[in-house]
N, C-alpha and C. Protein backbone atom coordinates (compact mmCIF):
# COMPACT_ATOMS: atom_id res chain seq x y z
N UNK A 1 -48.23 -2.98 -129.61
CA UNK A 1 -49.61 -2.94 -130.07
C UNK A 1 -49.57 -2.63 -131.55
N UNK A 2 -50.19 -3.45 -132.37
CA UNK A 2 -50.19 -3.27 -133.83
C UNK A 2 -51.62 -3.08 -134.32
N UNK A 3 -51.78 -2.28 -135.34
CA UNK A 3 -53.06 -2.11 -135.93
C UNK A 3 -52.98 -2.43 -137.42
N UNK A 4 -54.12 -2.78 -138.00
CA UNK A 4 -54.12 -3.16 -139.42
C UNK A 4 -54.11 -1.97 -140.31
N UNK A 5 -54.65 -0.86 -139.90
CA UNK A 5 -54.72 0.30 -140.77
C UNK A 5 -53.79 1.41 -140.32
N UNK A 6 -54.19 2.65 -140.62
CA UNK A 6 -53.40 3.80 -140.23
C UNK A 6 -53.45 3.95 -138.68
N UNK A 7 -52.43 4.57 -138.15
CA UNK A 7 -52.35 4.73 -136.70
C UNK A 7 -53.40 5.72 -136.26
N UNK A 8 -54.14 5.38 -135.18
CA UNK A 8 -55.21 6.22 -134.71
C UNK A 8 -55.33 6.04 -133.19
N UNK A 9 -55.67 7.13 -132.52
CA UNK A 9 -55.87 7.07 -131.08
C UNK A 9 -57.22 6.40 -130.82
N UNK A 10 -57.26 5.41 -129.92
CA UNK A 10 -58.56 4.78 -129.67
C UNK A 10 -59.51 5.66 -128.89
N UNK A 11 -60.80 5.50 -129.11
CA UNK A 11 -61.74 6.31 -128.36
C UNK A 11 -61.74 5.88 -126.90
N UNK A 12 -61.86 6.83 -126.01
CA UNK A 12 -61.76 6.53 -124.56
C UNK A 12 -63.10 6.10 -123.98
N UNK A 13 -64.20 6.56 -124.57
CA UNK A 13 -65.51 6.27 -123.94
C UNK A 13 -66.51 5.67 -124.95
N UNK A 14 -66.04 5.09 -126.01
CA UNK A 14 -66.85 4.48 -127.05
C UNK A 14 -67.89 5.47 -127.63
N UNK A 15 -67.58 6.75 -127.59
CA UNK A 15 -68.47 7.77 -128.15
C UNK A 15 -68.21 7.84 -129.68
N UNK A 16 -69.25 8.18 -130.44
CA UNK A 16 -69.08 8.27 -131.88
C UNK A 16 -68.14 9.48 -132.21
N UNK A 17 -67.41 9.30 -133.28
CA UNK A 17 -66.48 10.33 -133.73
C UNK A 17 -67.25 11.37 -134.56
N UNK A 18 -67.68 12.46 -133.93
CA UNK A 18 -68.45 13.46 -134.66
C UNK A 18 -67.59 14.49 -135.37
N UNK A 19 -66.30 14.46 -135.13
CA UNK A 19 -65.41 15.44 -135.75
C UNK A 19 -65.14 15.09 -137.20
N UNK A 20 -65.23 13.82 -137.58
CA UNK A 20 -64.88 13.40 -138.96
C UNK A 20 -66.05 12.60 -139.53
N UNK A 21 -67.10 13.29 -139.87
CA UNK A 21 -68.25 12.63 -140.50
C UNK A 21 -68.20 12.85 -142.01
N UNK A 22 -68.81 11.97 -142.74
CA UNK A 22 -68.87 12.11 -144.22
C UNK A 22 -69.99 13.01 -144.63
N UNK A 23 -70.93 13.24 -143.75
CA UNK A 23 -72.11 14.10 -144.06
C UNK A 23 -71.73 15.56 -143.96
N UNK A 24 -72.39 16.42 -144.77
CA UNK A 24 -72.05 17.86 -144.65
C UNK A 24 -72.55 18.44 -143.36
N UNK A 25 -71.79 19.35 -142.82
CA UNK A 25 -72.21 20.05 -141.58
C UNK A 25 -73.18 21.16 -141.95
N UNK A 26 -73.91 21.65 -140.99
CA UNK A 26 -74.89 22.70 -141.30
C UNK A 26 -74.20 23.93 -141.93
N UNK A 27 -74.72 24.37 -143.04
CA UNK A 27 -74.18 25.53 -143.72
C UNK A 27 -73.18 25.19 -144.81
N UNK A 28 -72.63 23.98 -144.84
CA UNK A 28 -71.66 23.65 -145.86
C UNK A 28 -72.30 23.58 -147.25
N UNK A 29 -73.53 23.10 -147.34
CA UNK A 29 -74.19 22.99 -148.63
C UNK A 29 -74.43 24.37 -149.23
N UNK A 30 -74.80 25.33 -148.41
CA UNK A 30 -75.03 26.67 -148.92
C UNK A 30 -73.74 27.33 -149.39
N UNK A 31 -72.65 27.05 -148.68
CA UNK A 31 -71.39 27.67 -149.04
C UNK A 31 -70.66 26.94 -150.16
N UNK A 32 -71.14 25.77 -150.50
CA UNK A 32 -70.48 24.98 -151.54
C UNK A 32 -70.77 25.55 -152.92
N UNK A 33 -69.73 25.82 -153.69
CA UNK A 33 -69.87 26.45 -155.00
C UNK A 33 -70.03 25.46 -156.13
N UNK A 34 -70.03 24.14 -155.80
CA UNK A 34 -70.14 23.16 -156.88
C UNK A 34 -71.45 23.21 -157.61
N UNK A 35 -72.53 23.55 -156.88
CA UNK A 35 -73.84 23.56 -157.50
C UNK A 35 -74.20 24.91 -158.14
N UNK A 36 -73.27 25.84 -158.09
CA UNK A 36 -73.56 27.19 -158.57
C UNK A 36 -73.95 27.28 -160.02
N UNK A 37 -73.26 26.59 -160.90
CA UNK A 37 -73.54 26.63 -162.33
C UNK A 37 -74.87 26.04 -162.63
N UNK A 38 -75.18 24.90 -162.00
CA UNK A 38 -76.49 24.27 -162.23
C UNK A 38 -77.63 25.15 -161.74
N UNK A 39 -77.47 25.76 -160.56
CA UNK A 39 -78.49 26.61 -160.03
C UNK A 39 -78.71 27.88 -160.92
N UNK A 40 -77.60 28.43 -161.44
CA UNK A 40 -77.73 29.58 -162.33
C UNK A 40 -78.46 29.19 -163.60
N UNK A 41 -78.13 28.02 -164.17
CA UNK A 41 -78.82 27.59 -165.39
C UNK A 41 -80.28 27.32 -165.14
N UNK A 42 -80.67 26.77 -164.04
CA UNK A 42 -82.08 26.57 -163.73
C UNK A 42 -82.76 27.92 -163.55
N UNK A 43 -82.10 28.87 -162.92
CA UNK A 43 -82.68 30.21 -162.80
C UNK A 43 -82.87 30.91 -164.15
N UNK A 44 -81.86 30.76 -165.00
CA UNK A 44 -82.00 31.33 -166.36
C UNK A 44 -83.13 30.66 -167.11
N UNK A 45 -83.25 29.35 -166.95
CA UNK A 45 -84.36 28.66 -167.61
C UNK A 45 -85.70 29.12 -167.15
N UNK A 46 -85.86 29.30 -165.81
CA UNK A 46 -87.14 29.74 -165.27
C UNK A 46 -87.45 31.17 -165.73
N UNK A 47 -86.43 32.03 -165.75
CA UNK A 47 -86.64 33.42 -166.25
C UNK A 47 -87.04 33.39 -167.70
N UNK A 48 -86.38 32.52 -168.48
CA UNK A 48 -86.71 32.46 -169.90
C UNK A 48 -88.13 31.90 -170.18
N UNK A 49 -88.59 31.03 -169.27
CA UNK A 49 -90.00 30.57 -169.38
C UNK A 49 -90.94 31.74 -169.24
N UNK A 50 -90.68 32.61 -168.26
CA UNK A 50 -91.54 33.81 -168.06
C UNK A 50 -91.47 34.71 -169.28
N UNK A 51 -90.25 34.90 -169.82
CA UNK A 51 -90.11 35.72 -171.00
C UNK A 51 -90.83 35.10 -172.20
N UNK A 52 -90.78 33.79 -172.29
CA UNK A 52 -91.45 33.06 -173.41
C UNK A 52 -92.96 33.29 -173.35
N UNK A 53 -93.50 33.23 -172.13
CA UNK A 53 -94.95 33.44 -171.99
C UNK A 53 -95.29 34.88 -172.34
N UNK A 54 -94.50 35.83 -171.96
CA UNK A 54 -94.77 37.23 -172.32
C UNK A 54 -94.66 37.45 -173.81
N UNK A 55 -93.67 36.89 -174.45
CA UNK A 55 -93.51 37.05 -175.90
C UNK A 55 -94.65 36.37 -176.65
N UNK A 56 -95.08 35.21 -176.18
CA UNK A 56 -96.20 34.51 -176.80
C UNK A 56 -97.48 35.31 -176.65
N UNK A 57 -97.64 35.99 -175.51
CA UNK A 57 -98.84 36.79 -175.29
C UNK A 57 -98.88 38.00 -176.23
N UNK A 58 -97.69 38.48 -176.64
CA UNK A 58 -97.63 39.62 -177.56
C UNK A 58 -97.90 39.17 -178.99
N UNK A 59 -97.77 37.89 -179.27
CA UNK A 59 -98.07 37.38 -180.62
C UNK A 59 -96.87 37.10 -181.49
N UNK A 60 -95.66 37.24 -181.00
CA UNK A 60 -94.46 36.95 -181.78
C UNK A 60 -94.16 35.47 -181.68
N UNK A 61 -94.71 34.66 -182.59
CA UNK A 61 -94.61 33.20 -182.50
C UNK A 61 -93.20 32.72 -182.71
N UNK A 62 -92.47 33.28 -183.65
CA UNK A 62 -91.12 32.81 -183.94
C UNK A 62 -90.20 33.06 -182.76
N UNK A 63 -90.27 34.24 -182.15
CA UNK A 63 -89.45 34.53 -181.00
C UNK A 63 -89.83 33.71 -179.78
N UNK A 64 -91.13 33.46 -179.68
CA UNK A 64 -91.62 32.64 -178.55
C UNK A 64 -91.05 31.20 -178.66
N UNK A 65 -91.04 30.68 -179.87
CA UNK A 65 -90.51 29.33 -180.09
C UNK A 65 -88.98 29.31 -179.76
N UNK A 66 -88.28 30.33 -180.21
CA UNK A 66 -86.84 30.40 -179.92
C UNK A 66 -86.59 30.49 -178.39
N UNK A 67 -87.38 31.31 -177.70
CA UNK A 67 -87.20 31.47 -176.27
C UNK A 67 -87.58 30.17 -175.52
N UNK A 68 -88.57 29.44 -176.08
CA UNK A 68 -88.93 28.18 -175.44
C UNK A 68 -87.82 27.15 -175.61
N UNK A 69 -87.13 27.15 -176.74
CA UNK A 69 -86.01 26.21 -176.92
C UNK A 69 -84.88 26.56 -175.98
N UNK A 70 -84.60 27.85 -175.84
CA UNK A 70 -83.54 28.28 -174.93
C UNK A 70 -83.92 27.94 -173.48
N UNK A 71 -85.17 28.14 -173.10
CA UNK A 71 -85.61 27.80 -171.77
C UNK A 71 -85.48 26.31 -171.49
N UNK A 72 -85.91 25.49 -172.43
CA UNK A 72 -85.81 24.04 -172.27
C UNK A 72 -84.38 23.59 -172.15
N UNK A 73 -83.52 24.13 -173.00
CA UNK A 73 -82.08 23.76 -172.96
C UNK A 73 -81.48 24.16 -171.63
N UNK A 74 -81.77 25.34 -171.14
CA UNK A 74 -81.18 25.80 -169.86
C UNK A 74 -81.71 24.98 -168.71
N UNK A 75 -83.00 24.65 -168.71
CA UNK A 75 -83.55 23.84 -167.61
C UNK A 75 -82.98 22.42 -167.66
N UNK A 76 -82.86 21.85 -168.83
CA UNK A 76 -82.31 20.50 -168.89
C UNK A 76 -80.84 20.45 -168.51
N UNK A 77 -80.05 21.42 -168.96
CA UNK A 77 -78.64 21.45 -168.64
C UNK A 77 -78.43 21.69 -167.16
N UNK A 78 -79.18 22.61 -166.56
CA UNK A 78 -79.07 22.92 -165.11
C UNK A 78 -79.46 21.75 -164.29
N UNK A 79 -80.57 21.11 -164.64
CA UNK A 79 -81.01 19.95 -163.88
C UNK A 79 -80.04 18.78 -164.02
N UNK A 80 -79.51 18.62 -165.21
CA UNK A 80 -78.52 17.55 -165.43
C UNK A 80 -77.26 17.79 -164.60
N UNK A 81 -76.78 19.01 -164.54
CA UNK A 81 -75.58 19.34 -163.75
C UNK A 81 -75.83 19.08 -162.26
N UNK A 82 -77.02 19.47 -161.78
CA UNK A 82 -77.33 19.27 -160.38
C UNK A 82 -77.40 17.80 -160.04
N UNK A 83 -78.03 17.01 -160.91
CA UNK A 83 -78.14 15.58 -160.66
C UNK A 83 -76.78 14.89 -160.76
N UNK A 84 -75.98 15.32 -161.71
CA UNK A 84 -74.61 14.76 -161.86
C UNK A 84 -73.77 15.03 -160.63
N UNK A 85 -73.86 16.24 -160.13
CA UNK A 85 -73.07 16.58 -158.93
C UNK A 85 -73.52 15.84 -157.70
N UNK A 86 -74.84 15.67 -157.54
CA UNK A 86 -75.37 14.87 -156.44
C UNK A 86 -74.89 13.44 -156.52
N UNK A 87 -74.98 12.81 -157.72
CA UNK A 87 -74.53 11.47 -157.87
C UNK A 87 -73.05 11.31 -157.60
N UNK A 88 -72.28 12.29 -158.08
CA UNK A 88 -70.83 12.26 -157.87
C UNK A 88 -70.53 12.39 -156.36
N UNK A 89 -71.24 13.26 -155.65
CA UNK A 89 -70.98 13.43 -154.22
C UNK A 89 -71.35 12.16 -153.42
N UNK A 90 -72.47 11.51 -153.78
CA UNK A 90 -72.88 10.30 -153.10
C UNK A 90 -71.87 9.18 -153.32
N UNK A 91 -71.34 9.05 -154.55
CA UNK A 91 -70.33 8.05 -154.82
C UNK A 91 -69.04 8.36 -154.03
N UNK A 92 -68.72 9.61 -153.92
CA UNK A 92 -67.52 10.01 -153.15
C UNK A 92 -67.69 9.66 -151.67
N UNK A 93 -68.89 9.88 -151.17
CA UNK A 93 -69.14 9.56 -149.75
C UNK A 93 -69.07 8.05 -149.51
N UNK A 94 -69.56 7.31 -150.47
CA UNK A 94 -69.50 5.81 -150.32
C UNK A 94 -68.09 5.34 -150.38
N UNK A 95 -67.28 5.91 -151.26
CA UNK A 95 -65.87 5.52 -151.35
C UNK A 95 -65.14 5.84 -150.04
N UNK A 96 -65.45 7.03 -149.47
CA UNK A 96 -64.76 7.42 -148.22
C UNK A 96 -65.23 6.58 -147.05
N UNK A 97 -66.46 6.11 -147.09
CA UNK A 97 -66.94 5.27 -145.99
C UNK A 97 -66.32 3.88 -146.08
N UNK A 98 -66.04 3.42 -147.27
CA UNK A 98 -65.34 2.13 -147.39
C UNK A 98 -63.88 2.24 -146.99
N UNK A 99 -63.28 3.38 -147.24
CA UNK A 99 -61.84 3.52 -146.91
C UNK A 99 -61.66 3.71 -145.39
N UNK A 100 -62.62 4.26 -144.66
CA UNK A 100 -62.48 4.51 -143.24
C UNK A 100 -62.95 3.31 -142.45
N UNK A 101 -62.11 2.32 -142.39
CA UNK A 101 -62.40 1.13 -141.59
C UNK A 101 -61.90 1.37 -140.18
N UNK A 102 -62.64 0.97 -139.19
CA UNK A 102 -62.20 1.21 -137.81
C UNK A 102 -60.94 0.36 -137.51
N UNK A 103 -60.06 0.94 -136.73
CA UNK A 103 -58.85 0.22 -136.35
C UNK A 103 -59.16 -0.92 -135.41
N UNK A 104 -58.50 -2.03 -135.66
CA UNK A 104 -58.72 -3.22 -134.81
C UNK A 104 -57.78 -3.09 -133.59
N UNK A 105 -58.38 -2.86 -132.45
CA UNK A 105 -57.61 -2.67 -131.22
C UNK A 105 -57.49 -3.95 -130.48
C-alpha cells in the first residue's frame, strides 16, 4: 500500500481528526504571549488619553499636546502590532491547511 504524502494511519470510522486542528483551542489565545506587546501599547495609549484629558483640564496646553502625541503614537503602534500578528497568524494557518493534504488511501 503506497501513499502520496507522509505516512499516516487511516481513520477507522471517517470521524474528523479533532486532535490536529489549525484553530486555537479554548484558552490558547489567552495564554499566547504574541499579542502581549500590542495589548500593553494599547493600554498605555488609553491611559495616556486619560492623562491628556486631565492635563488639558488643568490648562497646561503644551503638556497636553505632548501627551496627546504620545497617546496617538502608542495607540497606533499597539493597534498596528495586533493587526500584523493577526494577519501573520491567518497566513500561517492557510499555509498549514495547504500543506496538510489528506492521504490517498
